[in-house]
Amino acid sequence: MPQLPPDNDQDVPSLRLSRRGFLQTTAVAAAAVQVPGAAVAAAKPAPLPPPLAPAQSITLNINGKQHALTLEPRVTLLDALREGAGLTGTKKGCDRGQCGACTVLVNGRRINSCLTLAIMHEGDKITTIEGIASNGQLAPIQTAFIEHDAFQCGYCTPGQICSAVACIDEMRAGTASAASADMRIRPVAMNGAEVRERMSGNLCRCGAYPNIVTAVLAVASTKS
């Protein structure tokens, strides 16, 4: 007659280890379930975001017209132009000052409007792409861009044209660049190297750079 296994599991090592392993595994699993809950309960609630600064009334001189706006102080000039003044010709590209699509002129100098606050430019003379033409007539640089196919999709074109206006003014004024062979020589040479260096802050994803350079040189080489 076969013998039954003993009731005492201490005489069966494999059974004893199995039960011990089971109990250990169960304890670890229970701890794993309880710890996240305890950590969440002990964690402090996330702080609330700081309140927005109160909006302020400012007046911007844009393309020769006064625009009275009410803006939160942290609004960029780019957003003020597009959302506040309704001048959507200035484009938002990277919003990080890297592509140049938002280039406008402030007191004759080109800037990335996404990197400056609107409230900083009260009293300045701001020119956007909408203000480049005059009396319903395209500016010479706009005509040159059309004649030389200096754009494809056109998204970067407003910034390119604003930048080109300043670029030409800089070369005519004799302002040197990193491409200038000798900073003591005036006037600055009107060549492709100068234009490419001065326009390097404006990116064109379509790759129309050769035609952009040609268009800028066509205008820069004429008498002002």
C-alpha atoms as a PDB file:
ATOM      1  CA  MET A   1       0.000   0.000   0.000  1.00  0.00           C
ATOM      2  CA  PRO A   2       1.524   3.396  -1.050  1.00  0.00           C
ATOM      3  CA  GLN A   3       2.525   5.749   1.720  1.00  0.00           C
ATOM      4  CA  LEU A   4       1.052   9.272   1.896  1.00  0.00           C
ATOM      5  CA  PRO A   5       3.428  12.231   2.104  1.00  0.00           C
ATOM      6  CA  PRO A   6       4.063  13.494   5.602  1.00  0.00           C
ATOM      7  CA  ASP A   7       1.921  16.348   6.907  1.00  0.00           C
ATOM      8  CA  ASN A   8       4.952  18.310   8.039  1.00  0.00           C
ATOM      9  CA  ASP A   9       6.282  20.249   5.029  1.00  0.00           C
ATOM     10  CA  GLN A  10       9.644  20.678   6.795  1.00  0.00           C
ATOM     11  CA  ASP A  11      10.501  17.182   5.580  1.00  0.00           C
ATOM     12  CA  VAL A  12       9.934  18.247   1.945  1.00  0.00           C
ATOM     13  CA  PRO A  13      12.599  20.828   0.986  1.00  0.00           C
ATOM     14  CA  SER A  14      11.172  21.557  -2.495  1.00  0.00           C
ATOM     15  CA  LEU A  15       7.716  22.241  -1.066  1.00  0.00           C
ATOM     16  CA  ARG A  16       9.147  24.407   1.698  1.00  0.00           C
ATOM     17  CA  LEU A  17      11.117  26.550  -0.764  1.00  0.00           C
ATOM     18  CA  SER A  18       8.129  26.911  -3.028  1.00  0.00           C
ATOM     19  CA  ARG A  19       5.903  28.158  -0.240  1.00  0.00           C
ATOM     20  CA  ARG A  20       8.589  30.507   1.015  1.00  0.00           C
ATOM     21  CA  GLY A  21       9.145  31.879  -2.500  1.00  0.00           C
ATOM     22  CA  PHE A  22       5.414  32.343  -2.938  1.00  0.00           C
ATOM     23  CA  LEU A  23       5.134  34.304   0.296  1.00  0.00           C
ATOM     24  CA  GLN A  24       8.115  36.473  -0.604  1.00  0.00           C
ATOM     25  CA  THR A  25       6.727  37.192  -4.065  1.00  0.00           C
ATOM     26  CA  THR A  26       3.364  38.102  -2.609  1.00  0.00           C
ATOM     27  CA  ALA A  27       4.942  40.491  -0.123  1.00  0.00           C
ATOM     28  CA  VAL A  28       6.971  42.218  -2.868  1.00  0.00           C
ATOM     29  CA  ALA A  29       3.908  42.559  -5.090  1.00  0.00           C
ATOM     30  CA  ALA A  30       1.878  44.032  -2.263  1.00  0.00           C
ATOM     31  CA  ALA A  31       4.625  46.545  -1.526  1.00  0.00           C
ATOM     32  CA  ALA A  32       4.843  47.515  -5.188  1.00  0.00           C
ATOM     33  CA  VAL A  33       1.136  48.244  -5.244  1.00  0.00           C
ATOM     34  CA  GLN A  34       1.174  50.231  -2.007  1.00  0.00           C
ATOM     35  CA  VAL A  35       4.286  52.374  -2.583  1.00  0.00           C
ATOM     36  CA  PRO A  36       2.988  54.468  -5.533  1.00  0.00           C
ATOM     37  CA  GLY A  37      -0.183  55.259  -3.634  1.00  0.00           C
ATOM     38  CA  ALA A  38       1.788  56.280  -0.591  1.00  0.00           C
ATOM     39  CA  ALA A  39       4.116  58.389  -2.707  1.00  0.00           C
ATOM     40  CA  VAL A  40       1.215  60.158  -4.359  1.00  0.00           C
ATOM     41  CA  ALA A  41      -0.432  60.778  -1.000  1.00  0.00           C
ATOM     42  CA  ALA A  42       2.787  62.192   0.408  1.00  0.00           C
ATOM     43  CA  ALA A  43       3.544  64.364  -2.648  1.00  0.00           C
ATOM     44  CA  LYS A  44       2.743  68.049  -2.415  1.00  0.00           C
ATOM     45  CA  PRO A  45       0.213  69.461  -4.885  1.00  0.00           C
ATOM     46  CA  ALA A  46       1.714  71.180  -7.946  1.00  0.00           C
ATOM     47  CA  PRO A  47       1.949  74.937  -7.542  1.00  0.00           C
ATOM     48  CA  LEU A  48      -0.505  77.002  -9.536  1.00  0.00           C
ATOM     49  CA  PRO A  49       0.919  79.026 -12.457  1.00  0.00           C
ATOM     50  CA  PRO A  50       1.571  82.656 -11.669  1.00  0.00           C
ATOM     51  CA  PRO A  51      -1.265  84.999 -12.623  1.00  0.00           C
ATOM     52  CA  LEU A  52      -0.988  86.914 -15.859  1.00  0.00           C
ATOM     53  CA  ALA A  53       0.170  90.474 -15.576  1.00  0.00           C
ATOM     54  CA  PRO A  54      -2.631  92.965 -16.159  1.00  0.00           C
ATOM     55  CA  ALA A  55      -3.054  94.218 -19.716  1.00  0.00           C
ATOM     56  CA  GLN A  56      -1.746  97.674 -20.541  1.00  0.00           C
ATOM     57  CA  SER A  57      -2.746 100.215 -23.153  1.00  0.00           C
ATOM     58  CA  ILE A  58       0.001 101.037 -25.653  1.00  0.00           C
ATOM     59  CA  THR A  59       0.171 102.806 -28.985  1.00  0.00           C
ATOM     60  CA  LEU A  60       2.369 101.468 -31.763  1.00  0.00           C
ATOM     61  CA  ASN A  61       3.373 103.396 -34.864  1.00  0.00           C
ATOM     62  CA  ILE A  62       3.036 100.766 -37.578  1.00  0.00           C
ATOM     63  CA  ASN A  63       3.499 101.682 -41.227  1.00  0.00           C
ATOM     64  CA  GLY A  64       2.898 105.332 -40.415  1.00  0.00           C
ATOM     65  CA  LYS A  65      -0.380 104.741 -38.572  1.00  0.00           C
ATOM     66  CA  GLN A  66      -1.068 104.783 -34.853  1.00  0.00           C
ATOM     67  CA  HIS A  67      -2.505 101.543 -33.468  1.00  0.00           C
ATOM     68  CA  ALA A  68      -3.960 101.727 -29.961  1.00  0.00           C
ATOM     69  CA  LEU A  69      -3.720  98.251 -28.424  1.00  0.00           C
ATOM     70  CA  THR A  70      -4.409  96.711 -25.049  1.00  0.00           C
ATOM     71  CA  LEU A  71      -1.841  93.994 -24.478  1.00  0.00           C
ATOM     72  CA  GLU A  72      -0.477  91.836 -21.686  1.00  0.00           C
ATOM     73  CA  PRO A  73       3.147  93.005 -21.167  1.00  0.00           C
ATOM     74  CA  ARG A  74       4.608  89.673 -22.223  1.00  0.00           C
ATOM     75  CA  VAL A  75       3.042  89.736 -25.697  1.00  0.00           C
ATOM     76  CA  THR A  76       5.700  89.702 -28.402  1.00  0.00           C
ATOM     77  CA  LEU A  77       5.780  92.283 -31.148  1.00  0.00           C
ATOM     78  CA  LEU A  78       5.037  89.483 -33.629  1.00  0.00           C
ATOM     79  CA  ASP A  79       1.813  88.504 -31.870  1.00  0.00           C
ATOM     80  CA  ALA A  80       0.849  92.142 -31.423  1.00  0.00           C
ATOM     81  CA  LEU A  81       1.202  92.736 -35.152  1.00  0.00           C
ATOM     82  CA  ARG A  82      -0.719  89.641 -36.151  1.00  0.00           C
ATOM     83  CA  GLU A  83      -3.340  89.328 -33.421  1.00  0.00           C
ATOM     84  CA  GLY A  84      -3.593  92.907 -32.205  1.00  0.00           C
ATOM     85  CA  ALA A  85      -3.156  95.050 -35.299  1.00  0.00           C
ATOM     86  CA  GLY A  86      -4.405  92.421 -37.771  1.00  0.00           C
ATOM     87  CA  LEU A  87      -1.288  92.702 -39.954  1.00  0.00           C
ATOM     88  CA  THR A  88      -0.796  89.054 -40.843  1.00  0.00           C
ATOM     89  CA  GLY A  89       1.796  89.648 -43.550  1.00  0.00           C
ATOM     90  CA  THR A  90       4.493  89.158 -40.925  1.00  0.00           C
ATOM     91  CA  LYS A  91       4.786  85.390 -40.552  1.00  0.00           C
ATOM     92  CA  LYS A  92       5.395  83.223 -37.523  1.00  0.00           C
ATOM     93  CA  GLY A  93       7.897  80.533 -38.436  1.00  0.00           C
ATOM     94  CA  CYS A  94      10.056  79.017 -35.705  1.00  0.00           C
ATOM     95  CA  ASP A  95       9.026  81.558 -33.032  1.00  0.00           C
ATOM     96  CA  ARG A  96      12.600  81.221 -31.750  1.00  0.00           C
ATOM     97  CA  GLY A  97      14.471  83.853 -33.748  1.00  0.00           C
ATOM     98  CA  GLN A  98      16.117  81.315 -36.027  1.00  0.00           C
ATOM     99  CA  CYS A  99      14.275  81.488 -39.364  1.00  0.00           C
ATOM    100  CA  GLY A 100      13.756  85.214 -39.972  1.00  0.00           C
ATOM    101  CA  ALA A 101      10.187  84.829 -41.274  1.00  0.00           C
ATOM    102  CA  CYS A 102       9.009  87.438 -38.739  1.00  0.00           C
ATOM    103  CA  THR A 103      11.558  90.094 -39.732  1.00  0.00           C
ATOM    104  CA  VAL A 104      10.273  93.675 -39.569  1.00  0.00           C
ATOM    105  CA  LEU A 105      11.966  97.068 -39.542  1.00  0.00           C
ATOM    106  CA  VAL A 106      12.113  99.129 -36.350  1.00  0.00           C
ATOM    107  CA  ASN A 107      13.522 102.615 -36.858  1.00  0.00           C
ATOM    108  CA  GLY A 108      15.035 101.367 -40.098  1.00  0.00           C
ATOM    109  CA  ARG A 109      16.794  98.382 -38.564  1.00  0.00           C
ATOM    110  CA  ARG A 110      15.659  94.801 -39.069  1.00  0.00           C
ATOM    111  CA  ILE A 111      14.738  92.699 -36.076  1.00  0.00           C
ATOM    112  CA  ASN A 112      13.082  89.374 -35.362  1.00  0.00           C
ATOM    113  CA  SER A 113       9.702  90.435 -34.038  1.00  0.00           C
ATOM    114  CA  CYS A 114       9.249  87.123 -32.203  1.00  0.00           C
ATOM    115  CA  LEU A 115      12.156  87.960 -29.888  1.00  0.00           C
ATOM    116  CA  THR A 116      11.030  91.330 -28.623  1.00  0.00           C
ATOM    117  CA  LEU A 117       8.089  92.546 -26.584  1.00  0.00           C
ATOM    118  CA  ALA A 118       5.540  94.870 -28.126  1.00  0.00           C
ATOM    119  CA  ILE A 119       5.527  97.099 -25.060  1.00  0.00           C
ATOM    120  CA  MET A 120       9.201  97.904 -25.667  1.00  0.00           C
ATOM    121  CA  HIS A 121       8.480  99.622 -28.974  1.00  0.00           C
ATOM    122  CA  GLU A 122       6.001 102.308 -28.069  1.00  0.00           C
ATOM    123  CA  GLY A 123       7.170 105.426 -29.888  1.00  0.00           C
ATOM    124  CA  ASP A 124       9.287 103.490 -32.418  1.00  0.00           C
ATOM    125  CA  LYS A 125       8.645 103.528 -36.153  1.00  0.00           C
ATOM    126  CA  ILE A 126       7.696  99.981 -37.133  1.00  0.00           C
ATOM    127  CA  THR A 127       7.531  98.893 -40.772  1.00  0.00           C
ATOM    128  CA  THR A 128       6.057  95.555 -41.808  1.00  0.00           C
ATOM    129  CA  ILE A 129       5.726  94.023 -45.252  1.00  0.00           C
ATOM    130  CA  GLU A 130       2.412  95.853 -45.621  1.00  0.00           C
ATOM    131  CA  GLY A 131       4.295  99.144 -45.425  1.00  0.00           C
ATOM    132  CA  ILE A 132       7.034  98.434 -47.966  1.00  0.00           C
ATOM    133  CA  ALA A 133       4.929  99.441 -50.984  1.00  0.00           C
ATOM    134  CA  SER A 134       4.050 103.111 -51.377  1.00  0.00           C
ATOM    135  CA  ASN A 135       0.931 104.742 -52.822  1.00  0.00           C
ATOM    136  CA  GLY A 136      -0.241 101.464 -54.251  1.00  0.00           C
ATOM    137  CA  GLN A 137       3.035 100.898 -56.104  1.00  0.00           C
ATOM    138  CA  LEU A 138       5.385  98.024 -55.359  1.00  0.00           C
ATOM    139  CA  ALA A 139       8.769  98.939 -53.994  1.00  0.00           C
ATOM    140  CA  PRO A 140      11.757  98.213 -56.258  1.00  0.00           C
ATOM    141  CA  ILE A 141      12.762  95.225 -54.105  1.00  0.00           C
ATOM    142  CA  GLN A 142       9.276  93.725 -54.416  1.00  0.00           C
ATOM    143  CA  THR A 143       9.376  94.133 -58.196  1.00  0.00           C
ATOM    144  CA  ALA A 144      12.837  92.555 -58.288  1.00  0.00           C
ATOM    145  CA  PHE A 145      11.642  89.536 -56.294  1.00  0.00           C
ATOM    146  CA  ILE A 146       8.900  88.982 -58.867  1.00  0.00           C
ATOM    147  CA  GLU A 147      11.118  89.524 -61.902  1.00  0.00           C
ATOM    148  CA  HIS A 148      13.845  87.178 -60.629  1.00  0.00           C
ATOM    149  CA  ASP A 149      11.573  84.458 -59.169  1.00  0.00           C
ATOM    150  CA  ALA A 150      13.048  85.039 -55.726  1.00  0.00           C
ATOM    151  CA  PHE A 151      10.356  83.028 -53.944  1.00  0.00           C
ATOM    152  CA  GLN A 152       8.407  79.790 -54.284  1.00  0.00           C
ATOM    153  CA  CYS A 153       5.941  79.029 -51.503  1.00  0.00           C
ATOM    154  CA  GLY A 154       6.194  82.658 -50.348  1.00  0.00           C
ATOM    155  CA  TYR A 155       6.019  82.004 -46.622  1.00  0.00           C
ATOM    156  CA  CYS A 156       9.435  83.492 -45.898  1.00  0.00           C
ATOM    157  CA  THR A 157       9.095  86.257 -48.505  1.00  0.00           C
ATOM    158  CA  PRO A 158       7.749  89.028 -46.222  1.00  0.00           C
ATOM    159  CA  GLY A 159      10.717  88.595 -43.902  1.00  0.00           C
ATOM    160  CA  GLN A 160      13.126  88.270 -46.822  1.00  0.00           C
ATOM    161  CA  ILE A 161      11.910  91.524 -48.362  1.00  0.00           C
ATOM    162  CA  CYS A 162      12.037  93.459 -45.084  1.00  0.00           C
ATOM    163  CA  SER A 163      15.524  92.124 -44.468  1.00  0.00           C
ATOM    164  CA  ALA A 164      16.580  92.973 -48.036  1.00  0.00           C
ATOM    165  CA  VAL A 165      15.490  96.598 -47.577  1.00  0.00           C
ATOM    166  CA  ALA A 166      17.757  96.923 -44.539  1.00  0.00           C
ATOM    167  CA  CYS A 167      20.520  94.957 -46.235  1.00  0.00           C
ATOM    168  CA  ILE A 168      20.604  97.378 -49.180  1.00  0.00           C
ATOM    169  CA  ASP A 169      20.530 100.403 -46.867  1.00  0.00           C
ATOM    170  CA  GLU A 170      23.457  98.964 -44.889  1.00  0.00           C
ATOM    171  CA  MET A 171      25.570  98.405 -47.994  1.00  0.00           C
ATOM    172  CA  ARG A 172      24.784 101.866 -49.369  1.00  0.00           C
ATOM    173  CA  ALA A 173      25.718 103.385 -46.003  1.00  0.00           C
ATOM    174  CA  GLY A 174      29.065 101.572 -46.077  1.00  0.00           C
ATOM    175  CA  THR A 175      28.374  99.370 -43.046  1.00  0.00           C
ATOM    176  CA  ALA A 176      30.832  96.484 -43.084  1.00  0.00           C
ATOM    177  CA  SER A 177      29.925  92.827 -42.588  1.00  0.00           C
ATOM    178  CA  ALA A 178      31.841  89.633 -41.870  1.00  0.00           C
ATOM    179  CA  ALA A 179      32.213  89.225 -45.647  1.00  0.00           C
ATOM    180  CA  SER A 180      33.857  92.628 -46.149  1.00  0.00           C
ATOM    181  CA  ALA A 181      37.470  92.184 -47.209  1.00  0.00           C
ATOM    182  CA  ASP A 182      38.568  95.465 -45.647  1.00  0.00           C
ATOM    183  CA  MET A 183      36.378  97.400 -43.229  1.00  0.00           C
ATOM    184  CA  ARG A 184      38.252 100.607 -44.083  1.00  0.00           C
ATOM    185  CA  ILE A 185      37.110 100.523 -47.699  1.00  0.00           C
ATOM    186  CA  ARG A 186      34.035 102.575 -48.514  1.00  0.00           C
ATOM    187  CA  PRO A 187      31.602 102.036 -50.106  1.00  0.00           C
ATOM    188  CA  VAL A 188      31.066  98.360 -49.464  1.00  0.00           C
ATOM    189  CA  ALA A 189      31.324  96.141 -52.523  1.00  0.00           C
ATOM    190  CA  MET A 190      27.946  95.138 -53.918  1.00  0.00           C
ATOM    191  CA  ASN A 191      28.556  91.442 -54.533  1.00  0.00           C
ATOM    192  CA  GLY A 192      27.020  88.051 -53.841  1.00  0.00           C
ATOM    193  CA  ALA A 193      29.222  87.326 -50.848  1.00  0.00           C
ATOM    194  CA  GLU A 194      28.078  90.499 -49.102  1.00  0.00           C
ATOM    195  CA  VAL A 195      24.412  89.815 -49.791  1.00  0.00           C
ATOM    196  CA  ARG A 196      24.592  86.176 -48.689  1.00  0.00           C
ATOM    197  CA  GLU A 197      26.300  87.133 -45.439  1.00  0.00           C
ATOM    198  CA  ARG A 198      23.868  89.934 -44.667  1.00  0.00           C
ATOM    199  CA  MET A 199      20.798  87.858 -45.579  1.00  0.00           C
ATOM    200  CA  SER A 200      21.975  84.718 -43.777  1.00  0.00           C
ATOM    201  CA  GLY A 201      19.501  85.234 -40.946  1.00  0.00           C
ATOM    202  CA  ASN A 202      16.573  84.644 -43.297  1.00  0.00           C
ATOM    203  CA  LEU A 203      15.992  81.017 -44.197  1.00  0.00           C
ATOM    204  CA  CYS A 204      14.165  79.786 -47.296  1.00  0.00           C
ATOM    205  CA  ARG A 205      12.964  76.201 -47.056  1.00  0.00           C
ATOM    206  CA  CYS A 206      12.291  76.196 -50.807  1.00  0.00           C
ATOM    207  CA  GLY A 207      15.941  77.002 -51.531  1.00  0.00           C
ATOM    208  CA  ALA A 208      15.412  80.148 -53.598  1.00  0.00           C
ATOM    209  CA  TYR A 209      18.668  81.655 -52.336  1.00  0.00           C
ATOM    210  CA  PRO A 210      20.398  82.246 -55.724  1.00  0.00           C
ATOM    211  CA  ASN A 211      17.420  84.206 -57.035  1.00  0.00           C
ATOM    212  CA  ILE A 212      17.070  86.135 -53.769  1.00  0.00           C
ATOM    213  CA  VAL A 213      20.710  87.230 -54.069  1.00  0.00           C
ATOM    214  CA  THR A 214      20.156  88.231 -57.695  1.00  0.00           C
ATOM    215  CA  ALA A 215      17.081  90.270 -56.790  1.00  0.00           C
ATOM    216  CA  VAL A 216      18.868  92.092 -53.960  1.00  0.00           C
ATOM    217  CA  LEU A 217      21.892  92.869 -56.140  1.00  0.00           C
ATOM    218  CA  ALA A 218      19.655  94.137 -58.922  1.00  0.00           C
ATOM    219  CA  VAL A 219      18.236  96.778 -56.579  1.00  0.00           C
ATOM    220  CA  ALA A 220      21.424  97.465 -54.627  1.00  0.00           C
ATOM    221  CA  SER A 221      23.398  98.213 -57.784  1.00  0.00           C
ATOM    222  CA  THR A 222      20.978 100.940 -58.872  1.00  0.00           C
ATOM    223  CA  LYS A 223      21.278 104.488 -57.609  1.00  0.00           C
ATOM    224  CA  SER A 224      19.303 105.208 -54.468  1.00  0.00           C
END
